[in-house]
Amino acid sequence: MIKRNTKHRILILGASGFIGEAIYKELCPYFKTFGTYRTDNYSYDKNQHYFQYNFEEDDIFEILEAVQPTIIISALRGNFSAQIIAHHHIAEYLIVSDAKLIYLSSANVFDAYSKFPSYELDKTLSHSSYGHFKIKIENMLLRLPIHQVAILRLPMVFGAQSPRIKEIKAFVKEGLPVEVFPNLIMNVTTDTKVTQQIHYIINQNKYGVFHLGSTDLVHHDDFTKEIIEALGVNRPLIKQVFTTNDNRYLAILAKSNTLPKHLQLESTLILEELDY
């Protein structure tokens, strides 16, 4: 019998997305958990724990007032400038409520550094608009009291129902080439491991910056080919995309803020987890 923890009221922003939904399913049995979704969906409409929220049009304050969360998990995707405004409002709520924000960031905050993997305390620098956007929100949150914010930087996230795996399956089915980046060295993770890590961070009241990638590094092309092979596809069409002639790192490793061994993973776990 699962005992529900009444200590926290958790609000997941973007709970209808791939990662947001996985987080909701992980936390829902243990905490009073609420989520937001963007577009009309009957199953969400009738669920009193879900709120329709389009951050480009709606004000987050109404939902915060209704839920009064002690923990907000931000897994939003979409318009960058509207997200920045929404997170400004969340920061204002945190200041008056003493609640906590768990923010899902990205390895792309380091995409201007290509020579080495990046660690939690390294200075962020990005050449991409997505990386710039993530850095802007991170910097906003880092000005808040330290115990109120956990920034979780994620690498590529895989899983049986992940958009990346679905895309590979669709390309293979249509006979289209799957793009690989031969010189890209990265690390990876799964939706199930990320949700377990978030659960631990909540239970242990952790805060600060976390790098939630696998402990090992993989080449994008080799790893993609392993996934395709695990799908049982022989002689797939592969399109090699060279953005540089040198090896390029987009990998985030943990050094100063590590999680327990059972919450760490190696890239092979992804191949084992995929339900083919």
C-alpha atoms as a PDB file:
ATOM      1  CA  MET A   1       0.000   0.000   0.000  1.00  0.00           C
ATOM      2  CA  ILE A   2       1.516   3.307  -1.101  1.00  0.00           C
ATOM      3  CA  LYS A   3       1.358   5.955   1.603  1.00  0.00           C
ATOM      4  CA  ARG A   4       0.626   9.379   0.142  1.00  0.00           C
ATOM      5  CA  ASN A   5       2.964  12.108   1.329  1.00  0.00           C
ATOM      6  CA  THR A   6       0.854  15.099   2.393  1.00  0.00           C
ATOM      7  CA  LYS A   7       3.891  17.290   2.926  1.00  0.00           C
ATOM      8  CA  HIS A   8       3.947  18.590  -0.655  1.00  0.00           C
ATOM      9  CA  ARG A   9       1.499  19.871  -3.244  1.00  0.00           C
ATOM     10  CA  ILE A  10       3.243  19.519  -6.590  1.00  0.00           C
ATOM     11  CA  LEU A  11       2.374  21.389  -9.784  1.00  0.00           C
ATOM     12  CA  ILE A  12       3.915  20.104 -13.037  1.00  0.00           C
ATOM     13  CA  LEU A  13       3.880  22.675 -15.823  1.00  0.00           C
ATOM     14  CA  GLY A  14       3.753  20.836 -19.138  1.00  0.00           C
ATOM     15  CA  ALA A  15       2.372  17.603 -17.664  1.00  0.00           C
ATOM     16  CA  SER A  16       0.896  16.546 -21.015  1.00  0.00           C
ATOM     17  CA  GLY A  17       4.312  16.384 -22.709  1.00  0.00           C
ATOM     18  CA  PHE A  18       6.549  13.319 -22.876  1.00  0.00           C
ATOM     19  CA  ILE A  19       8.721  14.125 -19.831  1.00  0.00           C
ATOM     20  CA  GLY A  20       6.008  16.017 -17.923  1.00  0.00           C
ATOM     21  CA  GLU A  21       3.606  13.082 -18.166  1.00  0.00           C
ATOM     22  CA  ALA A  22       6.308  10.656 -17.003  1.00  0.00           C
ATOM     23  CA  ILE A  23       6.988  12.877 -13.973  1.00  0.00           C
ATOM     24  CA  TYR A  24       3.261  13.049 -13.160  1.00  0.00           C
ATOM     25  CA  LYS A  25       2.940   9.244 -13.265  1.00  0.00           C
ATOM     26  CA  GLU A  26       5.976   8.833 -11.006  1.00  0.00           C
ATOM     27  CA  LEU A  27       4.880  11.374  -8.359  1.00  0.00           C
ATOM     28  CA  CYS A  28       1.091  11.052  -8.425  1.00  0.00           C
ATOM     29  CA  PRO A  29       0.860   7.957  -6.148  1.00  0.00           C
ATOM     30  CA  TYR A  30       3.029   9.622  -3.484  1.00  0.00           C
ATOM     31  CA  PHE A  31       2.112  13.318  -3.478  1.00  0.00           C
ATOM     32  CA  LYS A  32      -0.873  15.578  -4.088  1.00  0.00           C
ATOM     33  CA  THR A  33       0.082  16.169  -7.714  1.00  0.00           C
ATOM     34  CA  PHE A  34      -1.389  18.566 -10.282  1.00  0.00           C
ATOM     35  CA  GLY A  35      -0.469  19.242 -13.894  1.00  0.00           C
ATOM     36  CA  THR A  36      -1.099  21.593 -16.789  1.00  0.00           C
ATOM     37  CA  TYR A  37      -1.922  20.814 -20.413  1.00  0.00           C
ATOM     38  CA  ARG A  38      -2.123  23.147 -23.369  1.00  0.00           C
ATOM     39  CA  THR A  39      -4.607  21.974 -25.986  1.00  0.00           C
ATOM     40  CA  ASP A  40      -8.135  20.610 -25.469  1.00  0.00           C
ATOM     41  CA  ASN A  41      -8.080  16.991 -24.356  1.00  0.00           C
ATOM     42  CA  TYR A  42     -11.154  15.241 -22.959  1.00  0.00           C
ATOM     43  CA  SER A  43      -9.231  12.972 -20.599  1.00  0.00           C
ATOM     44  CA  TYR A  44      -7.484  16.008 -19.058  1.00  0.00           C
ATOM     45  CA  ASP A  45     -10.618  18.177 -19.115  1.00  0.00           C
ATOM     46  CA  LYS A  46     -12.449  15.789 -16.783  1.00  0.00           C
ATOM     47  CA  ASN A  47      -9.438  15.279 -14.478  1.00  0.00           C
ATOM     48  CA  GLN A  48      -9.694  17.774 -11.633  1.00  0.00           C
ATOM     49  CA  HIS A  49      -5.952  17.562 -11.064  1.00  0.00           C
ATOM     50  CA  TYR A  50      -5.208  18.998 -14.518  1.00  0.00           C
ATOM     51  CA  PHE A  51      -5.506  22.660 -15.508  1.00  0.00           C
ATOM     52  CA  GLN A  52      -5.600  23.948 -19.065  1.00  0.00           C
ATOM     53  CA  TYR A  53      -2.793  26.467 -19.428  1.00  0.00           C
ATOM     54  CA  ASN A  54      -1.516  28.161 -22.575  1.00  0.00           C
ATOM     55  CA  PHE A  55       1.430  30.201 -21.313  1.00  0.00           C
ATOM     56  CA  GLU A  56       1.308  32.465 -24.399  1.00  0.00           C
ATOM     57  CA  GLU A  57      -2.180  33.665 -23.388  1.00  0.00           C
ATOM     58  CA  ASP A  58      -2.985  32.626 -19.815  1.00  0.00           C
ATOM     59  CA  ASP A  59      -1.721  33.987 -16.521  1.00  0.00           C
ATOM     60  CA  ILE A  60      -0.005  31.402 -14.322  1.00  0.00           C
ATOM     61  CA  PHE A  61      -1.111  33.253 -11.159  1.00  0.00           C
ATOM     62  CA  GLU A  62      -4.648  31.830 -11.344  1.00  0.00           C
ATOM     63  CA  ILE A  63      -3.356  28.246 -11.314  1.00  0.00           C
ATOM     64  CA  LEU A  64      -0.823  29.004  -8.582  1.00  0.00           C
ATOM     65  CA  GLU A  65      -3.609  30.514  -6.494  1.00  0.00           C
ATOM     66  CA  ALA A  66      -5.848  27.468  -7.046  1.00  0.00           C
ATOM     67  CA  VAL A  67      -3.181  24.814  -6.352  1.00  0.00           C
ATOM     68  CA  GLN A  68      -0.918  26.683  -3.904  1.00  0.00           C
ATOM     69  CA  PRO A  69       1.967  24.324  -4.701  1.00  0.00           C
ATOM     70  CA  THR A  70       4.925  23.818  -2.410  1.00  0.00           C
ATOM     71  CA  ILE A  71       6.908  22.470  -5.384  1.00  0.00           C
ATOM     72  CA  ILE A  72       6.616  23.563  -9.032  1.00  0.00           C
ATOM     73  CA  ILE A  73       8.226  21.443 -11.737  1.00  0.00           C
ATOM     74  CA  SER A  74       8.695  23.275 -15.022  1.00  0.00           C
ATOM     75  CA  ALA A  75       8.725  21.025 -18.093  1.00  0.00           C
ATOM     76  CA  LEU A  76       7.247  23.609 -20.456  1.00  0.00           C
ATOM     77  CA  ARG A  77       8.057  23.693 -24.162  1.00  0.00           C
ATOM     78  CA  GLY A  78       7.262  26.338 -26.740  1.00  0.00           C
ATOM     79  CA  ASN A  79       7.592  30.080 -27.330  1.00  0.00           C
ATOM     80  CA  PHE A  80      10.759  31.313 -25.621  1.00  0.00           C
ATOM     81  CA  SER A  81       9.726  34.877 -24.758  1.00  0.00           C
ATOM     82  CA  ALA A  82       6.370  33.734 -23.327  1.00  0.00           C
ATOM     83  CA  GLN A  83       8.161  31.133 -21.204  1.00  0.00           C
ATOM     84  CA  ILE A  84      10.510  33.792 -19.829  1.00  0.00           C
ATOM     85  CA  ILE A  85       7.530  35.911 -18.741  1.00  0.00           C
ATOM     86  CA  ALA A  86       5.862  32.855 -17.151  1.00  0.00           C
ATOM     87  CA  HIS A  87       9.027  32.062 -15.179  1.00  0.00           C
ATOM     88  CA  HIS A  88       9.244  35.691 -14.009  1.00  0.00           C
ATOM     89  CA  HIS A  89       5.779  35.220 -12.512  1.00  0.00           C
ATOM     90  CA  ILE A  90       6.779  31.880 -10.981  1.00  0.00           C
ATOM     91  CA  ALA A  91       9.822  33.570  -9.398  1.00  0.00           C
ATOM     92  CA  GLU A  92       7.528  36.192  -7.861  1.00  0.00           C
ATOM     93  CA  TYR A  93       5.348  33.403  -6.429  1.00  0.00           C
ATOM     94  CA  LEU A  94       8.392  31.645  -4.972  1.00  0.00           C
ATOM     95  CA  ILE A  95       9.496  34.773  -3.149  1.00  0.00           C
ATOM     96  CA  VAL A  96       6.176  35.247  -1.343  1.00  0.00           C
ATOM     97  CA  SER A  97       5.360  31.570  -0.783  1.00  0.00           C
ATOM     98  CA  ASP A  98       8.723  29.972   0.078  1.00  0.00           C
ATOM     99  CA  ALA A  99       7.865  27.241  -2.437  1.00  0.00           C
ATOM    100  CA  LYS A 100      10.503  25.501  -4.554  1.00  0.00           C
ATOM    101  CA  LEU A 101      11.013  25.275  -8.311  1.00  0.00           C
ATOM    102  CA  ILE A 102      12.528  22.293 -10.113  1.00  0.00           C
ATOM    103  CA  TYR A 103      13.476  23.555 -13.570  1.00  0.00           C
ATOM    104  CA  LEU A 104      14.254  21.232 -16.466  1.00  0.00           C
ATOM    105  CA  SER A 105      17.113  22.809 -18.381  1.00  0.00           C
ATOM    106  CA  SER A 106      19.339  21.415 -21.122  1.00  0.00           C
ATOM    107  CA  ALA A 107      22.882  20.436 -22.057  1.00  0.00           C
ATOM    108  CA  ASN A 108      22.536  23.165 -24.713  1.00  0.00           C
ATOM    109  CA  VAL A 109      23.495  25.807 -22.164  1.00  0.00           C
ATOM    110  CA  PHE A 110      27.042  24.615 -22.958  1.00  0.00           C
ATOM    111  CA  ASP A 111      26.749  24.170 -26.722  1.00  0.00           C
ATOM    112  CA  ALA A 112      29.399  26.817 -27.401  1.00  0.00           C
ATOM    113  CA  TYR A 113      31.970  24.592 -25.684  1.00  0.00           C
ATOM    114  CA  SER A 114      32.916  21.718 -27.942  1.00  0.00           C
ATOM    115  CA  LYS A 115      36.306  20.525 -26.706  1.00  0.00           C
ATOM    116  CA  PHE A 116      35.304  18.967 -23.369  1.00  0.00           C
ATOM    117  CA  PRO A 117      32.321  17.704 -21.374  1.00  0.00           C
ATOM    118  CA  SER A 118      30.770  20.271 -18.997  1.00  0.00           C
ATOM    119  CA  TYR A 119      30.282  20.122 -15.231  1.00  0.00           C
ATOM    120  CA  GLU A 120      27.753  21.760 -12.891  1.00  0.00           C
ATOM    121  CA  LEU A 121      29.821  24.806 -11.920  1.00  0.00           C
ATOM    122  CA  ASP A 122      31.205  25.529 -15.403  1.00  0.00           C
ATOM    123  CA  LYS A 123      30.225  28.857 -16.928  1.00  0.00           C
ATOM    124  CA  THR A 124      27.349  28.529 -19.397  1.00  0.00           C
ATOM    125  CA  LEU A 125      27.834  29.685 -22.985  1.00  0.00           C
ATOM    126  CA  SER A 126      25.710  28.946 -26.034  1.00  0.00           C
ATOM    127  CA  HIS A 127      25.688  29.679 -29.752  1.00  0.00           C
ATOM    128  CA  SER A 128      22.090  28.486 -30.232  1.00  0.00           C
ATOM    129  CA  SER A 129      18.848  30.392 -29.613  1.00  0.00           C
ATOM    130  CA  TYR A 130      17.584  27.457 -27.518  1.00  0.00           C
ATOM    131  CA  GLY A 131      20.719  27.470 -25.376  1.00  0.00           C
ATOM    132  CA  HIS A 132      20.534  31.274 -24.958  1.00  0.00           C
ATOM    133  CA  PHE A 133      16.919  30.964 -23.816  1.00  0.00           C
ATOM    134  CA  LYS A 134      17.731  28.257 -21.247  1.00  0.00           C
ATOM    135  CA  ILE A 135      20.655  30.302 -19.914  1.00  0.00           C
ATOM    136  CA  LYS A 136      18.403  33.351 -19.520  1.00  0.00           C
ATOM    137  CA  ILE A 137      15.943  31.428 -17.342  1.00  0.00           C
ATOM    138  CA  GLU A 138      18.737  29.717 -15.392  1.00  0.00           C
ATOM    139  CA  ASN A 139      20.329  33.090 -14.592  1.00  0.00           C
ATOM    140  CA  MET A 140      16.962  34.458 -13.467  1.00  0.00           C
ATOM    141  CA  LEU A 141      16.461  31.491 -11.128  1.00  0.00           C
ATOM    142  CA  LEU A 142      20.013  31.589  -9.752  1.00  0.00           C
ATOM    143  CA  ARG A 143      19.232  35.031  -8.307  1.00  0.00           C
ATOM    144  CA  LEU A 144      16.582  33.476  -6.043  1.00  0.00           C
ATOM    145  CA  PRO A 145      17.396  32.044  -2.584  1.00  0.00           C
ATOM    146  CA  ILE A 146      19.504  28.943  -3.264  1.00  0.00           C
ATOM    147  CA  HIS A 147      17.297  26.501  -1.319  1.00  0.00           C
ATOM    148  CA  GLN A 148      14.281  27.345  -3.499  1.00  0.00           C
ATOM    149  CA  VAL A 149      15.678  26.225  -6.856  1.00  0.00           C
ATOM    150  CA  ALA A 150      16.907  22.991  -8.417  1.00  0.00           C
ATOM    151  CA  ILE A 151      18.134  23.288 -12.012  1.00  0.00           C
ATOM    152  CA  LEU A 152      18.244  19.924 -13.759  1.00  0.00           C
ATOM    153  CA  ARG A 153      20.283  19.942 -16.965  1.00  0.00           C
ATOM    154  CA  LEU A 154      19.265  17.098 -19.260  1.00  0.00           C
ATOM    155  CA  PRO A 155      21.004  15.559 -22.264  1.00  0.00           C
ATOM    156  CA  MET A 156      19.028  13.759 -25.009  1.00  0.00           C
ATOM    157  CA  VAL A 157      16.176  11.880 -23.306  1.00  0.00           C
ATOM    158  CA  PHE A 158      15.161   8.495 -24.690  1.00  0.00           C
ATOM    159  CA  GLY A 159      12.478   5.978 -23.752  1.00  0.00           C
ATOM    160  CA  ALA A 160      10.086   3.564 -25.408  1.00  0.00           C
ATOM    161  CA  GLN A 161       7.536   6.330 -26.056  1.00  0.00           C
ATOM    162  CA  SER A 162      10.003   9.183 -26.505  1.00  0.00           C
ATOM    163  CA  PRO A 163       9.684  11.480 -29.532  1.00  0.00           C
ATOM    164  CA  ARG A 164      13.209  10.517 -30.639  1.00  0.00           C
ATOM    165  CA  ILE A 165      12.475   6.779 -30.721  1.00  0.00           C
ATOM    166  CA  LYS A 166       9.113   7.381 -32.425  1.00  0.00           C
ATOM    167  CA  GLU A 167      10.843   9.512 -35.058  1.00  0.00           C
ATOM    168  CA  ILE A 168      13.463   6.824 -35.743  1.00  0.00           C
ATOM    169  CA  LYS A 169      10.718   4.176 -36.068  1.00  0.00           C
ATOM    170  CA  ALA A 170       8.727   6.424 -38.435  1.00  0.00           C
ATOM    171  CA  PHE A 171      11.759   7.154 -40.629  1.00  0.00           C
ATOM    172  CA  VAL A 172      12.646   3.464 -40.854  1.00  0.00           C
ATOM    173  CA  LYS A 173       9.041   2.550 -41.697  1.00  0.00           C
ATOM    174  CA  GLU A 174       8.892   5.173 -44.463  1.00  0.00           C
ATOM    175  CA  GLY A 175      12.270   4.137 -45.848  1.00  0.00           C
ATOM    176  CA  LEU A 176      13.740   7.550 -45.064  1.00  0.00           C
ATOM    177  CA  PRO A 177      17.361   8.053 -43.950  1.00  0.00           C
ATOM    178  CA  VAL A 178      17.986   8.591 -40.245  1.00  0.00           C
ATOM    179  CA  GLU A 179      20.348  11.525 -39.629  1.00  0.00           C
ATOM    180  CA  VAL A 180      23.422  10.887 -37.480  1.00  0.00           C
ATOM    181  CA  PHE A 181      26.204  13.238 -36.393  1.00  0.00           C
ATOM    182  CA  PRO A 182      29.444  11.226 -36.533  1.00  0.00           C
ATOM    183  CA  ASN A 183      31.579  13.754 -34.655  1.00  0.00           C
ATOM    184  CA  LEU A 184      29.131  14.461 -31.833  1.00  0.00           C
ATOM    185  CA  ILE A 185      30.105  13.002 -28.445  1.00  0.00           C
ATOM    186  CA  MET A 186      27.292  13.166 -25.892  1.00  0.00           C
ATOM    187  CA  ASN A 187      25.659  11.474 -22.971  1.00  0.00           C
ATOM    188  CA  VAL A 188      22.045  10.400 -22.707  1.00  0.00           C
ATOM    189  CA  THR A 189      19.277   9.471 -20.265  1.00  0.00           C
ATOM    190  CA  THR A 190      15.814   7.890 -20.044  1.00  0.00           C
ATOM    191  CA  ASP A 191      12.478   9.290 -18.924  1.00  0.00           C
ATOM    192  CA  THR A 192      12.217   6.636 -16.175  1.00  0.00           C
ATOM    193  CA  LYS A 193      15.613   7.511 -14.698  1.00  0.00           C
ATOM    194  CA  VAL A 194      14.904  11.265 -14.805  1.00  0.00           C
ATOM    195  CA  THR A 195      11.606  10.799 -12.936  1.00  0.00           C
ATOM    196  CA  GLN A 196      13.304   8.659 -10.272  1.00  0.00           C
ATOM    197  CA  GLN A 197      15.987  11.323  -9.862  1.00  0.00           C
ATOM    198  CA  ILE A 198      13.355  14.054  -9.486  1.00  0.00           C
ATOM    199  CA  HIS A 199      11.520  11.954  -6.887  1.00  0.00           C
ATOM    200  CA  TYR A 200      14.767  11.618  -4.910  1.00  0.00           C
ATOM    201  CA  ILE A 201      15.514  15.362  -5.155  1.00  0.00           C
ATOM    202  CA  ILE A 202      12.043  16.096  -3.747  1.00  0.00           C
ATOM    203  CA  ASN A 203      12.281  13.543  -0.933  1.00  0.00           C
ATOM    204  CA  GLN A 204      15.758  14.648   0.110  1.00  0.00           C
ATOM    205  CA  ASN A 205      14.983  18.359  -0.325  1.00  0.00           C
ATOM    206  CA  LYS A 206      17.957  18.820  -2.640  1.00  0.00           C
ATOM    207  CA  TYR A 207      18.691  22.079  -4.412  1.00  0.00           C
ATOM    208  CA  GLY A 208      21.299  23.562  -6.728  1.00  0.00           C
ATOM    209  CA  VAL A 209      22.422  22.500 -10.205  1.00  0.00           C
ATOM    210  CA  PHE A 210      22.273  18.849 -11.270  1.00  0.00           C
ATOM    211  CA  HIS A 211      23.647  17.153 -14.384  1.00  0.00           C
ATOM    212  CA  LEU A 212      21.440  14.153 -15.075  1.00  0.00           C
ATOM    213  CA  GLY A 213      23.241  12.479 -17.962  1.00  0.00           C
ATOM    214  CA  SER A 214      24.696   8.981 -18.214  1.00  0.00           C
ATOM    215  CA  THR A 215      28.093   8.454 -16.593  1.00  0.00           C
ATOM    216  CA  ASP A 216      29.542   7.289 -19.928  1.00  0.00           C
ATOM    217  CA  LEU A 217      29.816   9.115 -23.238  1.00  0.00           C
ATOM    218  CA  VAL A 218      28.673   7.878 -26.644  1.00  0.00           C
ATOM    219  CA  HIS A 219      29.076   8.934 -30.264  1.00  0.00           C
ATOM    220  CA  HIS A 220      25.737  10.036 -31.707  1.00  0.00           C
ATOM    221  CA  ASP A 221      26.123   7.908 -34.834  1.00  0.00           C
ATOM    222  CA  ASP A 222      27.156   4.720 -33.002  1.00  0.00           C
ATOM    223  CA  PHE A 223      24.405   5.056 -30.421  1.00  0.00           C
ATOM    224  CA  THR A 224      21.719   5.739 -33.029  1.00  0.00           C
ATOM    225  CA  LYS A 225      22.836   2.684 -34.996  1.00  0.00           C
ATOM    226  CA  GLU A 226      22.636   0.568 -31.811  1.00  0.00           C
ATOM    227  CA  ILE A 227      19.061   1.731 -31.270  1.00  0.00           C
ATOM    228  CA  ILE A 228      18.126   0.900 -34.868  1.00  0.00           C
ATOM    229  CA  GLU A 229      19.790  -2.508 -34.534  1.00  0.00           C
ATOM    230  CA  ALA A 230      17.833  -3.145 -31.328  1.00  0.00           C
ATOM    231  CA  LEU A 231      14.684  -2.346 -33.303  1.00  0.00           C
ATOM    232  CA  GLY A 232      15.538  -5.322 -35.487  1.00  0.00           C
ATOM    233  CA  VAL A 233      16.153  -3.258 -38.616  1.00  0.00           C
ATOM    234  CA  ASN A 234      18.709  -4.601 -41.082  1.00  0.00           C
ATOM    235  CA  ARG A 235      20.640  -2.290 -43.393  1.00  0.00           C
ATOM    236  CA  PRO A 236      18.860   0.961 -42.489  1.00  0.00           C
ATOM    237  CA  LEU A 237      19.344   4.160 -44.464  1.00  0.00           C
ATOM    238  CA  ILE A 238      21.764   6.427 -42.597  1.00  0.00           C
ATOM    239  CA  LYS A 239      22.543  10.041 -43.489  1.00  0.00           C
ATOM    240  CA  GLN A 240      25.783  11.290 -41.991  1.00  0.00           C
ATOM    241  CA  VAL A 241      25.737  14.993 -41.144  1.00  0.00           C
ATOM    242  CA  PHE A 242      29.122  16.624 -40.606  1.00  0.00           C
ATOM    243  CA  THR A 243      28.961  19.996 -38.845  1.00  0.00           C
ATOM    244  CA  THR A 244      32.707  19.916 -38.169  1.00  0.00           C
ATOM    245  CA  ASN A 245      35.708  17.757 -38.965  1.00  0.00           C
ATOM    246  CA  ASP A 246      36.668  17.583 -35.284  1.00  0.00           C
ATOM    247  CA  ASN A 247      35.020  15.750 -32.436  1.00  0.00           C
ATOM    248  CA  ARG A 248      32.442  17.973 -30.741  1.00  0.00           C
ATOM    249  CA  TYR A 249      31.241  17.433 -27.173  1.00  0.00           C
ATOM    250  CA  LEU A 250      27.736  18.144 -25.942  1.00  0.00           C
ATOM    251  CA  ALA A 251      27.946  16.188 -22.705  1.00  0.00           C
ATOM    252  CA  ILE A 252      27.076  17.083 -19.124  1.00  0.00           C
ATOM    253  CA  LEU A 253      28.789  15.160 -16.332  1.00  0.00           C
ATOM    254  CA  ALA A 254      28.193  15.343 -12.572  1.00  0.00           C
ATOM    255  CA  LYS A 255      31.078  16.192 -10.274  1.00  0.00           C
ATOM    256  CA  SER A 256      30.047  18.516  -7.434  1.00  0.00           C
ATOM    257  CA  ASN A 257      26.389  17.454  -7.087  1.00  0.00           C
ATOM    258  CA  THR A 258      26.249  13.702  -7.652  1.00  0.00           C
ATOM    259  CA  LEU A 259      23.287  11.447  -6.916  1.00  0.00           C
ATOM    260  CA  PRO A 260      23.501   7.994  -5.267  1.00  0.00           C
ATOM    261  CA  LYS A 261      24.790   5.108  -7.389  1.00  0.00           C
ATOM    262  CA  HIS A 262      21.349   3.539  -7.878  1.00  0.00           C
ATOM    263  CA  LEU A 263      20.157   6.774  -9.506  1.00  0.00           C
ATOM    264  CA  GLN A 264      23.061   6.972 -11.953  1.00  0.00           C
ATOM    265  CA  LEU A 265      22.953   5.260 -15.328  1.00  0.00           C
ATOM    266  CA  GLU A 266      25.043   4.103 -18.239  1.00  0.00           C
ATOM    267  CA  SER A 267      23.891   4.482 -21.829  1.00  0.00           C
ATOM    268  CA  THR A 268      23.304   0.708 -22.198  1.00  0.00           C
ATOM    269  CA  LEU A 269      20.317   1.048 -19.844  1.00  0.00           C
ATOM    270  CA  ILE A 270      18.451   2.863 -22.626  1.00  0.00           C
ATOM    271  CA  LEU A 271      18.828  -0.066 -25.000  1.00  0.00           C
ATOM    272  CA  GLU A 272      17.684  -2.437 -22.240  1.00  0.00           C
ATOM    273  CA  GLU A 273      14.647  -0.287 -21.383  1.00  0.00           C
ATOM    274  CA  LEU A 274      13.304   0.113 -24.882  1.00  0.00           C
ATOM    275  CA  ASP A 275      10.258  -2.067 -25.347  1.00  0.00           C
ATOM    276  CA  TYR A 276      10.659  -3.463 -28.821  1.00  0.00           C
END
